[in-house]
Amino acid sequence: MPHNTTRPKSTNAFTLIELLVVISIIALLVGILLPALGAARKSARSAVCLSNERQIGVAIAAYAASNKDYVPLFRGFDVPVSSVPVSVLTDYGNNNAHWYWTSRLVADGYGAERLMYTCPSFENAEEAVNSAGVSITIRDAPLDELGNFIWRNSDYAINVSAYGAKRGDPVLRGNQDRIKNLTTSIRTADMLTPSDHIGVLDSFFIAAPPESPFHSPGIANRGTFALAGIVTTNPGEHPHARHGSGSINILWGDGHCDPFPVDDIWRPYETLGDWDTDELVDEIPNRWDTR
């Protein structure tokens, strides 16, 4: 009698219902994991930002050790100050300079690199271009032109109020004293409670005018000019609370770095302490005042 050679149907294949269940489970897992992965990514970016500021702090300390304990000026000139027009010295936004603090720390071999001035959490800064469509991120700053305006396109700002210059010193006022303040940084030994005074911090520059080499239509939060600490409602330099739910990474005067939460990410001066060029109120903590 012939044997039946018909093979039974395979029982190893997925049924449509089983396949849909597997797909649903995978989709559920992805939905659960994506927010966690996003949070981990933001945390990693913030950690890189803090690392950048720590390295900047090391470079500033090395600079001070070689320059009679003075931190680097916001900007400087390779000629006697007496030969620089007063209008250039007193206009902190003027781009006429021979070098900036960012370029000085790189060019003089203090351990700083151009990449250290870019924050991975500041995505819009990556899009910074000039009117000709040419990239102007600080990573492209020319090493043979230390006064090139691109060196100001840092994602971190030096405290020009009383650290990288003494622009707003309420004690020494008047035109000549103002020039002196703008051409004198602070010594680390002269800082008041340096662990609570701003040295460098996250920042950005908004609404550059069309004639600026950094003007880029449609991009509000590009890279920053490398100064901060002067309270203004005009387009200009501002602290940038770009981490977490609203915190600013700060390099403090003693060299340590940590995130500093603010009450209002659009008005961080209220938390950091307003800088007043006429008087300082002792009862109000002011983290801009390093003196």
C-alpha atoms as a PDB file:
ATOM      1  CA  MET A   1       0.000   0.000   0.000  1.00  0.00           C
ATOM      2  CA  PRO A   2       1.502   3.424  -0.959  1.00  0.00           C
ATOM      3  CA  HIS A   3       2.437   5.728   1.876  1.00  0.00           C
ATOM      4  CA  ASN A   4       1.001   9.226   2.151  1.00  0.00           C
ATOM      5  CA  THR A   5       3.974  11.576   1.578  1.00  0.00           C
ATOM      6  CA  THR A   6       2.052  14.815   2.101  1.00  0.00           C
ATOM      7  CA  ARG A   7       3.926  16.917   4.660  1.00  0.00           C
ATOM      8  CA  PRO A   8       1.982  18.646   7.386  1.00  0.00           C
ATOM      9  CA  LYS A   9       1.830  22.429   7.266  1.00  0.00           C
ATOM     10  CA  SER A  10       4.642  24.198   9.107  1.00  0.00           C
ATOM     11  CA  THR A  11       3.777  25.435  12.560  1.00  0.00           C
ATOM     12  CA  ASN A  12       6.873  27.724  12.817  1.00  0.00           C
ATOM     13  CA  ALA A  13       5.548  30.728  10.871  1.00  0.00           C
ATOM     14  CA  PHE A  14       4.031  33.765  12.611  1.00  0.00           C
ATOM     15  CA  THR A  15       0.367  34.287  12.223  1.00  0.00           C
ATOM     16  CA  LEU A  16      -0.820  37.776  11.330  1.00  0.00           C
ATOM     17  CA  ILE A  17      -2.075  38.316  14.869  1.00  0.00           C
ATOM     18  CA  GLU A  18       1.275  37.297  16.375  1.00  0.00           C
ATOM     19  CA  LEU A  19       3.142  39.612  14.001  1.00  0.00           C
ATOM     20  CA  LEU A  20       0.920  42.537  14.931  1.00  0.00           C
ATOM     21  CA  VAL A  21       1.441  41.808  18.627  1.00  0.00           C
ATOM     22  CA  VAL A  22       5.234  41.803  18.185  1.00  0.00           C
ATOM     23  CA  ILE A  23       5.126  45.064  16.241  1.00  0.00           C
ATOM     24  CA  SER A  24       2.927  46.621  18.947  1.00  0.00           C
ATOM     25  CA  ILE A  25       5.344  45.545  21.683  1.00  0.00           C
ATOM     26  CA  ILE A  26       8.323  46.982  19.761  1.00  0.00           C
ATOM     27  CA  ALA A  27       6.460  50.251  19.191  1.00  0.00           C
ATOM     28  CA  LEU A  28       5.617  50.420  22.894  1.00  0.00           C
ATOM     29  CA  LEU A  29       9.245  49.837  23.903  1.00  0.00           C
ATOM     30  CA  VAL A  30      10.460  52.499  21.464  1.00  0.00           C
ATOM     31  CA  GLY A  31       7.907  54.926  22.871  1.00  0.00           C
ATOM     32  CA  ILE A  32       9.150  54.239  26.381  1.00  0.00           C
ATOM     33  CA  LEU A  33      12.850  54.408  25.529  1.00  0.00           C
ATOM     34  CA  LEU A  34      12.914  57.460  23.248  1.00  0.00           C
ATOM     35  CA  PRO A  35      12.223  60.040  25.996  1.00  0.00           C
ATOM     36  CA  ALA A  36      14.858  58.403  28.181  1.00  0.00           C
ATOM     37  CA  LEU A  37      17.346  58.423  25.297  1.00  0.00           C
ATOM     38  CA  GLY A  38      16.523  62.066  24.598  1.00  0.00           C
ATOM     39  CA  ALA A  39      17.086  62.985  28.236  1.00  0.00           C
ATOM     40  CA  ALA A  40      20.375  61.064  28.245  1.00  0.00           C
ATOM     41  CA  ARG A  41      21.457  62.916  25.110  1.00  0.00           C
ATOM     42  CA  LYS A  42      20.681  66.297  26.678  1.00  0.00           C
ATOM     43  CA  SER A  43      22.535  65.267  29.825  1.00  0.00           C
ATOM     44  CA  ALA A  44      25.557  64.210  27.761  1.00  0.00           C
ATOM     45  CA  ARG A  45      25.549  67.522  25.888  1.00  0.00           C
ATOM     46  CA  SER A  46      25.425  69.448  29.144  1.00  0.00           C
ATOM     47  CA  ALA A  47      28.335  67.365  30.460  1.00  0.00           C
ATOM     48  CA  VAL A  48      30.387  68.228  27.351  1.00  0.00           C
ATOM     49  CA  CYS A  49      29.510  71.892  27.862  1.00  0.00           C
ATOM     50  CA  LEU A  50      30.704  71.764  31.473  1.00  0.00           C
ATOM     51  CA  SER A  51      33.881  70.041  30.308  1.00  0.00           C
ATOM     52  CA  ASN A  52      34.470  72.851  27.806  1.00  0.00           C
ATOM     53  CA  GLU A  53      34.114  75.472  30.513  1.00  0.00           C
ATOM     54  CA  ARG A  54      36.412  73.559  32.858  1.00  0.00           C
ATOM     55  CA  GLN A  55      39.074  73.467  30.145  1.00  0.00           C
ATOM     56  CA  ILE A  56      38.574  77.188  29.569  1.00  0.00           C
ATOM     57  CA  GLY A  57      39.051  77.660  33.310  1.00  0.00           C
ATOM     58  CA  VAL A  58      42.326  75.725  33.208  1.00  0.00           C
ATOM     59  CA  ALA A  59      43.509  77.886  30.306  1.00  0.00           C
ATOM     60  CA  ILE A  60      42.559  81.078  32.176  1.00  0.00           C
ATOM     61  CA  ALA A  61      44.427  79.861  35.261  1.00  0.00           C
ATOM     62  CA  ALA A  62      47.498  79.139  33.118  1.00  0.00           C
ATOM     63  CA  TYR A  63      47.229  82.607  31.602  1.00  0.00           C
ATOM     64  CA  ALA A  64      46.980  84.220  35.039  1.00  0.00           C
ATOM     65  CA  ALA A  65      49.997  82.253  36.258  1.00  0.00           C
ATOM     66  CA  SER A  66      52.041  83.771  33.427  1.00  0.00           C
ATOM     67  CA  ASN A  67      50.624  87.300  33.647  1.00  0.00           C
ATOM     68  CA  LYS A  68      51.013  88.509  37.217  1.00  0.00           C
ATOM     69  CA  ASP A  69      47.771  86.796  38.303  1.00  0.00           C
ATOM     70  CA  TYR A  70      45.583  88.803  35.884  1.00  0.00           C
ATOM     71  CA  VAL A  71      42.887  86.936  33.939  1.00  0.00           C
ATOM     72  CA  PRO A  72      42.777  87.704  30.188  1.00  0.00           C
ATOM     73  CA  LEU A  73      41.133  90.902  29.021  1.00  0.00           C
ATOM     74  CA  PHE A  74      38.001  90.646  26.914  1.00  0.00           C
ATOM     75  CA  ARG A  75      39.971  92.181  24.040  1.00  0.00           C
ATOM     76  CA  GLY A  76      43.346  93.830  23.680  1.00  0.00           C
ATOM     77  CA  PHE A  77      45.754  95.741  21.496  1.00  0.00           C
ATOM     78  CA  ASP A  78      49.358  95.122  20.507  1.00  0.00           C
ATOM     79  CA  VAL A  79      50.114  98.842  20.573  1.00  0.00           C
ATOM     80  CA  PRO A  80      50.177 101.339  23.466  1.00  0.00           C
ATOM     81  CA  VAL A  81      46.656 102.137  24.616  1.00  0.00           C
ATOM     82  CA  SER A  82      47.468 105.844  24.263  1.00  0.00           C
ATOM     83  CA  SER A  83      47.583 105.344  20.488  1.00  0.00           C
ATOM     84  CA  VAL A  84      44.137 103.712  20.319  1.00  0.00           C
ATOM     85  CA  PRO A  85      41.238 106.136  19.660  1.00  0.00           C
ATOM     86  CA  VAL A  86      39.080 106.727  22.728  1.00  0.00           C
ATOM     87  CA  SER A  87      35.975 105.848  20.709  1.00  0.00           C
ATOM     88  CA  VAL A  88      37.405 102.381  20.079  1.00  0.00           C
ATOM     89  CA  LEU A  89      38.379 101.817  23.718  1.00  0.00           C
ATOM     90  CA  THR A  90      35.046 102.870  25.168  1.00  0.00           C
ATOM     91  CA  ASP A  91      32.847 101.064  22.629  1.00  0.00           C
ATOM     92  CA  TYR A  92      32.877  97.452  23.803  1.00  0.00           C
ATOM     93  CA  GLY A  93      30.926  96.396  20.710  1.00  0.00           C
ATOM     94  CA  ASN A  94      33.533  97.836  18.360  1.00  0.00           C
ATOM     95  CA  ASN A  95      35.269  95.130  16.361  1.00  0.00           C
ATOM     96  CA  ASN A  96      38.597  96.965  16.150  1.00  0.00           C
ATOM     97  CA  ALA A  97      40.961  94.881  18.273  1.00  0.00           C
ATOM     98  CA  HIS A  98      44.223  93.000  17.800  1.00  0.00           C
ATOM     99  CA  TRP A  99      43.058  89.998  19.779  1.00  0.00           C
ATOM    100  CA  TYR A 100      40.244  88.657  21.943  1.00  0.00           C
ATOM    101  CA  TRP A 101      40.334  86.541  25.077  1.00  0.00           C
ATOM    102  CA  THR A 102      39.305  83.523  23.012  1.00  0.00           C
ATOM    103  CA  SER A 103      42.153  83.871  20.522  1.00  0.00           C
ATOM    104  CA  ARG A 104      44.710  84.784  23.196  1.00  0.00           C
ATOM    105  CA  LEU A 105      44.127  81.565  25.119  1.00  0.00           C
ATOM    106  CA  VAL A 106      44.594  79.539  21.923  1.00  0.00           C
ATOM    107  CA  ALA A 107      47.502  81.405  20.334  1.00  0.00           C
ATOM    108  CA  ASP A 108      49.657  81.628  23.456  1.00  0.00           C
ATOM    109  CA  GLY A 109      49.551  77.903  24.121  1.00  0.00           C
ATOM    110  CA  TYR A 110      47.516  77.903  27.333  1.00  0.00           C
ATOM    111  CA  GLY A 111      45.705  74.719  26.354  1.00  0.00           C
ATOM    112  CA  ALA A 112      42.577  76.208  24.782  1.00  0.00           C
ATOM    113  CA  GLU A 113      41.291  75.065  21.390  1.00  0.00           C
ATOM    114  CA  ARG A 114      38.700  76.614  19.086  1.00  0.00           C
ATOM    115  CA  LEU A 115      36.349  73.641  19.478  1.00  0.00           C
ATOM    116  CA  MET A 116      36.151  74.335  23.222  1.00  0.00           C
ATOM    117  CA  TYR A 117      34.192  77.515  22.499  1.00  0.00           C
ATOM    118  CA  THR A 118      31.259  75.655  20.919  1.00  0.00           C
ATOM    119  CA  CYS A 119      28.476  74.177  23.034  1.00  0.00           C
ATOM    120  CA  PRO A 120      26.764  71.008  21.708  1.00  0.00           C
ATOM    121  CA  SER A 121      23.477  72.118  23.292  1.00  0.00           C
ATOM    122  CA  PHE A 122      23.465  75.302  21.193  1.00  0.00           C
ATOM    123  CA  GLU A 123      22.247  73.852  17.908  1.00  0.00           C
ATOM    124  CA  ASN A 124      21.388  77.162  16.255  1.00  0.00           C
ATOM    125  CA  ALA A 125      24.968  78.320  16.624  1.00  0.00           C
ATOM    126  CA  GLU A 126      25.979  75.610  14.172  1.00  0.00           C
ATOM    127  CA  GLU A 127      23.990  77.438  11.503  1.00  0.00           C
ATOM    128  CA  ALA A 128      25.808  80.754  11.871  1.00  0.00           C
ATOM    129  CA  VAL A 129      26.737  82.193   8.475  1.00  0.00           C
ATOM    130  CA  ASN A 130      27.507  85.681   7.201  1.00  0.00           C
ATOM    131  CA  SER A 131      25.647  87.544   4.461  1.00  0.00           C
ATOM    132  CA  ALA A 132      27.679  85.680   1.828  1.00  0.00           C
ATOM    133  CA  GLY A 133      26.586  82.321   3.219  1.00  0.00           C
ATOM    134  CA  VAL A 134      30.030  81.528   4.610  1.00  0.00           C
ATOM    135  CA  SER A 135      30.314  79.705   7.940  1.00  0.00           C
ATOM    136  CA  ILE A 136      31.401  81.951  10.787  1.00  0.00           C
ATOM    137  CA  THR A 137      31.531  79.522  13.686  1.00  0.00           C
ATOM    138  CA  ILE A 138      34.513  80.012  15.953  1.00  0.00           C
ATOM    139  CA  ARG A 139      35.830  76.627  14.825  1.00  0.00           C
ATOM    140  CA  ASP A 140      36.786  78.427  11.605  1.00  0.00           C
ATOM    141  CA  ALA A 141      38.500  81.373  13.312  1.00  0.00           C
ATOM    142  CA  PRO A 142      41.864  82.097  11.618  1.00  0.00           C
ATOM    143  CA  LEU A 143      44.882  81.344  13.776  1.00  0.00           C
ATOM    144  CA  ASP A 144      46.878  84.052  11.995  1.00  0.00           C
ATOM    145  CA  GLU A 145      44.253  86.769  12.653  1.00  0.00           C
ATOM    146  CA  LEU A 146      43.688  86.935  16.394  1.00  0.00           C
ATOM    147  CA  GLY A 147      41.587  90.084  16.052  1.00  0.00           C
ATOM    148  CA  ASN A 148      39.263  88.626  13.446  1.00  0.00           C
ATOM    149  CA  PHE A 149      35.624  89.179  14.411  1.00  0.00           C
ATOM    150  CA  ILE A 150      34.953  85.435  14.195  1.00  0.00           C
ATOM    151  CA  TRP A 151      36.877  85.004  17.461  1.00  0.00           C
ATOM    152  CA  ARG A 152      33.944  86.751  19.143  1.00  0.00           C
ATOM    153  CA  ASN A 153      31.505  84.113  17.921  1.00  0.00           C
ATOM    154  CA  SER A 154      31.880  82.000  21.053  1.00  0.00           C
ATOM    155  CA  ASP A 155      29.036  80.146  22.775  1.00  0.00           C
ATOM    156  CA  TYR A 156      30.535  81.228  26.098  1.00  0.00           C
ATOM    157  CA  ALA A 157      30.873  84.761  27.415  1.00  0.00           C
ATOM    158  CA  ILE A 158      33.494  86.243  29.667  1.00  0.00           C
ATOM    159  CA  ASN A 159      32.155  88.510  32.414  1.00  0.00           C
ATOM    160  CA  VAL A 160      33.200  91.883  31.042  1.00  0.00           C
ATOM    161  CA  SER A 161      31.577  93.759  33.923  1.00  0.00           C
ATOM    162  CA  ALA A 162      34.305  93.053  36.455  1.00  0.00           C
ATOM    163  CA  TYR A 163      36.370  90.062  35.315  1.00  0.00           C
ATOM    164  CA  GLY A 164      37.718  90.322  31.748  1.00  0.00           C
ATOM    165  CA  ALA A 165      37.450  94.137  32.134  1.00  0.00           C
ATOM    166  CA  LYS A 166      36.043  96.560  34.682  1.00  0.00           C
ATOM    167  CA  ARG A 167      33.637  98.358  32.434  1.00  0.00           C
ATOM    168  CA  GLY A 168      30.947  99.132  34.982  1.00  0.00           C
ATOM    169  CA  ASP A 169      33.104  99.936  38.001  1.00  0.00           C
ATOM    170  CA  PRO A 170      30.905 102.327  40.057  1.00  0.00           C
ATOM    171  CA  VAL A 171      33.856 103.600  42.084  1.00  0.00           C
ATOM    172  CA  LEU A 172      36.107 104.623  39.193  1.00  0.00           C
ATOM    173  CA  ARG A 173      33.909 106.644  36.866  1.00  0.00           C
ATOM    174  CA  GLY A 174      34.645 109.285  34.280  1.00  0.00           C
ATOM    175  CA  ASN A 175      36.090 108.930  30.802  1.00  0.00           C
ATOM    176  CA  GLN A 176      39.731 108.290  31.714  1.00  0.00           C
ATOM    177  CA  ASP A 177      38.793 105.887  34.488  1.00  0.00           C
ATOM    178  CA  ARG A 178      36.430 104.133  32.092  1.00  0.00           C
ATOM    179  CA  ILE A 179      39.303 103.623  29.661  1.00  0.00           C
ATOM    180  CA  LYS A 180      41.409 102.284  32.506  1.00  0.00           C
ATOM    181  CA  ASN A 181      38.636  99.893  33.468  1.00  0.00           C
ATOM    182  CA  LEU A 182      38.267  98.627  29.907  1.00  0.00           C
ATOM    183  CA  THR A 183      41.967  97.896  29.672  1.00  0.00           C
ATOM    184  CA  THR A 184      42.365  96.234  33.064  1.00  0.00           C
ATOM    185  CA  SER A 185      41.176  92.762  34.025  1.00  0.00           C
ATOM    186  CA  ILE A 186      41.019  91.447  37.576  1.00  0.00           C
ATOM    187  CA  ARG A 187      43.626  89.497  39.491  1.00  0.00           C
ATOM    188  CA  THR A 188      42.391  86.217  40.894  1.00  0.00           C
ATOM    189  CA  ALA A 189      43.732  87.131  44.337  1.00  0.00           C
ATOM    190  CA  ASP A 190      41.566  90.289  44.384  1.00  0.00           C
ATOM    191  CA  MET A 191      38.261  88.549  43.786  1.00  0.00           C
ATOM    192  CA  LEU A 192      35.620  88.679  46.484  1.00  0.00           C
ATOM    193  CA  THR A 193      34.344  85.173  47.345  1.00  0.00           C
ATOM    194  CA  PRO A 194      35.398  83.829  43.919  1.00  0.00           C
ATOM    195  CA  SER A 195      33.332  80.658  44.296  1.00  0.00           C
ATOM    196  CA  ASP A 196      30.178  82.770  43.852  1.00  0.00           C
ATOM    197  CA  HIS A 197      31.330  85.180  41.146  1.00  0.00           C
ATOM    198  CA  ILE A 198      30.899  84.663  37.409  1.00  0.00           C
ATOM    199  CA  GLY A 199      33.971  84.232  35.238  1.00  0.00           C
ATOM    200  CA  VAL A 200      32.559  82.648  32.060  1.00  0.00           C
ATOM    201  CA  LEU A 201      29.047  81.380  31.295  1.00  0.00           C
ATOM    202  CA  ASP A 202      26.692  80.127  28.572  1.00  0.00           C
ATOM    203  CA  SER A 203      25.499  83.011  26.437  1.00  0.00           C
ATOM    204  CA  PHE A 204      24.134  84.086  23.080  1.00  0.00           C
ATOM    205  CA  PHE A 205      23.832  87.173  20.900  1.00  0.00           C
ATOM    206  CA  ILE A 206      20.491  88.145  19.396  1.00  0.00           C
ATOM    207  CA  ALA A 207      19.311  90.363  16.570  1.00  0.00           C
ATOM    208  CA  ALA A 208      22.618  91.307  14.981  1.00  0.00           C
ATOM    209  CA  PRO A 209      22.073  94.243  12.591  1.00  0.00           C
ATOM    210  CA  PRO A 210      22.151  93.513   8.846  1.00  0.00           C
ATOM    211  CA  GLU A 211      25.536  95.172   8.453  1.00  0.00           C
ATOM    212  CA  SER A 212      27.083  92.806  11.006  1.00  0.00           C
ATOM    213  CA  PRO A 213      29.182  89.952   9.588  1.00  0.00           C
ATOM    214  CA  PHE A 214      27.122  87.682  11.853  1.00  0.00           C
ATOM    215  CA  HIS A 215      23.731  88.730  10.517  1.00  0.00           C
ATOM    216  CA  SER A 216      21.685  85.700   9.484  1.00  0.00           C
ATOM    217  CA  PRO A 217      17.979  86.250   8.735  1.00  0.00           C
ATOM    218  CA  GLY A 218      15.635  83.895  10.560  1.00  0.00           C
ATOM    219  CA  ILE A 219      18.185  82.773  13.142  1.00  0.00           C
ATOM    220  CA  ALA A 220      17.693  84.538  16.478  1.00  0.00           C
ATOM    221  CA  ASN A 221      20.009  82.564  18.746  1.00  0.00           C
ATOM    222  CA  ARG A 222      23.219  82.200  16.800  1.00  0.00           C
ATOM    223  CA  GLY A 223      26.663  82.269  18.330  1.00  0.00           C
ATOM    224  CA  THR A 224      27.486  84.911  20.873  1.00  0.00           C
ATOM    225  CA  PHE A 225      29.703  87.888  21.269  1.00  0.00           C
ATOM    226  CA  ALA A 226      32.155  86.998  23.989  1.00  0.00           C
ATOM    227  CA  LEU A 227      31.028  89.301  26.778  1.00  0.00           C
ATOM    228  CA  ALA A 228      28.200  89.488  29.257  1.00  0.00           C
ATOM    229  CA  GLY A 229      27.083  91.093  32.463  1.00  0.00           C
ATOM    230  CA  ILE A 230      25.713  94.395  31.233  1.00  0.00           C
ATOM    231  CA  VAL A 231      21.957  94.450  31.704  1.00  0.00           C
ATOM    232  CA  THR A 232      20.214  95.573  28.537  1.00  0.00           C
ATOM    233  CA  THR A 233      16.870  95.184  26.846  1.00  0.00           C
ATOM    234  CA  ASN A 234      18.462  96.016  23.488  1.00  0.00           C
ATOM    235  CA  PRO A 235      19.707  93.363  21.068  1.00  0.00           C
ATOM    236  CA  GLY A 236      23.007  92.176  22.422  1.00  0.00           C
ATOM    237  CA  GLU A 237      24.741  89.790  24.744  1.00  0.00           C
ATOM    238  CA  HIS A 238      22.753  87.728  27.205  1.00  0.00           C
ATOM    239  CA  PRO A 239      23.199  84.713  29.487  1.00  0.00           C
ATOM    240  CA  HIS A 240      21.670  81.649  27.870  1.00  0.00           C
ATOM    241  CA  ALA A 241      19.733  79.123  29.947  1.00  0.00           C
ATOM    242  CA  ARG A 242      19.923  76.323  27.401  1.00  0.00           C
ATOM    243  CA  HIS A 243      20.273  73.298  29.691  1.00  0.00           C
ATOM    244  CA  GLY A 244      17.608  71.225  31.386  1.00  0.00           C
ATOM    245  CA  SER A 245      14.459  73.085  32.338  1.00  0.00           C
ATOM    246  CA  GLY A 246      16.353  76.356  32.545  1.00  0.00           C
ATOM    247  CA  SER A 247      19.932  76.391  33.822  1.00  0.00           C
ATOM    248  CA  ILE A 248      23.163  78.080  32.825  1.00  0.00           C
ATOM    249  CA  ASN A 249      26.530  76.366  33.013  1.00  0.00           C
ATOM    250  CA  ILE A 250      28.918  78.737  34.764  1.00  0.00           C
ATOM    251  CA  LEU A 251      32.678  78.795  35.245  1.00  0.00           C
ATOM    252  CA  TRP A 252      33.041  80.534  38.604  1.00  0.00           C
ATOM    253  CA  GLY A 253      35.923  82.706  39.688  1.00  0.00           C
ATOM    254  CA  ASP A 254      37.627  79.925  41.640  1.00  0.00           C
ATOM    255  CA  GLY A 255      37.670  77.653  38.574  1.00  0.00           C
ATOM    256  CA  HIS A 256      34.863  75.241  39.443  1.00  0.00           C
ATOM    257  CA  CYS A 257      31.909  74.727  37.070  1.00  0.00           C
ATOM    258  CA  ASP A 258      28.312  73.764  37.686  1.00  0.00           C
ATOM    259  CA  PRO A 259      24.819  74.346  36.279  1.00  0.00           C
ATOM    260  CA  PHE A 260      23.011  77.307  37.820  1.00  0.00           C
ATOM    261  CA  PRO A 261      19.176  77.232  37.642  1.00  0.00           C
ATOM    262  CA  VAL A 262      17.373  80.496  36.919  1.00  0.00           C
ATOM    263  CA  ASP A 263      13.811  81.517  37.677  1.00  0.00           C
ATOM    264  CA  ASP A 264      13.099  82.860  34.196  1.00  0.00           C
ATOM    265  CA  ILE A 265      15.142  81.677  31.208  1.00  0.00           C
ATOM    266  CA  TRP A 266      14.376  84.911  29.353  1.00  0.00           C
ATOM    267  CA  ARG A 267      15.300  87.182  32.282  1.00  0.00           C
ATOM    268  CA  PRO A 268      18.176  85.384  33.984  1.00  0.00           C
ATOM    269  CA  TYR A 269      19.651  88.622  35.333  1.00  0.00           C
ATOM    270  CA  GLU A 270      17.009  88.662  38.048  1.00  0.00           C
ATOM    271  CA  THR A 271      18.460  85.438  39.445  1.00  0.00           C
ATOM    272  CA  LEU A 272      22.110  86.216  38.767  1.00  0.00           C
ATOM    273  CA  GLY A 273      21.883  89.713  40.237  1.00  0.00           C
ATOM    274  CA  ASP A 274      21.439  92.849  38.157  1.00  0.00           C
ATOM    275  CA  TRP A 275      24.547  94.806  37.345  1.00  0.00           C
ATOM    276  CA  ASP A 276      24.079  98.493  38.122  1.00  0.00           C
ATOM    277  CA  THR A 277      26.707 100.870  36.769  1.00  0.00           C
ATOM    278  CA  ASP A 278      25.734 103.597  39.245  1.00  0.00           C
ATOM    279  CA  GLU A 279      25.757 101.712  42.506  1.00  0.00           C
ATOM    280  CA  LEU A 280      25.882  98.253  43.974  1.00  0.00           C
ATOM    281  CA  VAL A 281      23.363  97.337  46.644  1.00  0.00           C
ATOM    282  CA  ASP A 282      25.005  95.192  49.300  1.00  0.00           C
ATOM    283  CA  GLU A 283      21.711  93.580  50.262  1.00  0.00           C
ATOM    284  CA  ILE A 284      21.239  92.136  46.742  1.00  0.00           C
ATOM    285  CA  PRO A 285      23.575  89.264  45.803  1.00  0.00           C
ATOM    286  CA  ASN A 286      25.347  90.170  42.589  1.00  0.00           C
ATOM    287  CA  ARG A 287      27.283  87.374  40.955  1.00  0.00           C
ATOM    288  CA  TRP A 288      28.633  89.670  38.259  1.00  0.00           C
ATOM    289  CA  ASP A 289      30.621  91.742  40.739  1.00  0.00           C
ATOM    290  CA  THR A 290      33.961  89.981  41.171  1.00  0.00           C
ATOM    291  CA  ARG A 291      35.617  92.832  43.054  1.00  0.00           C
END
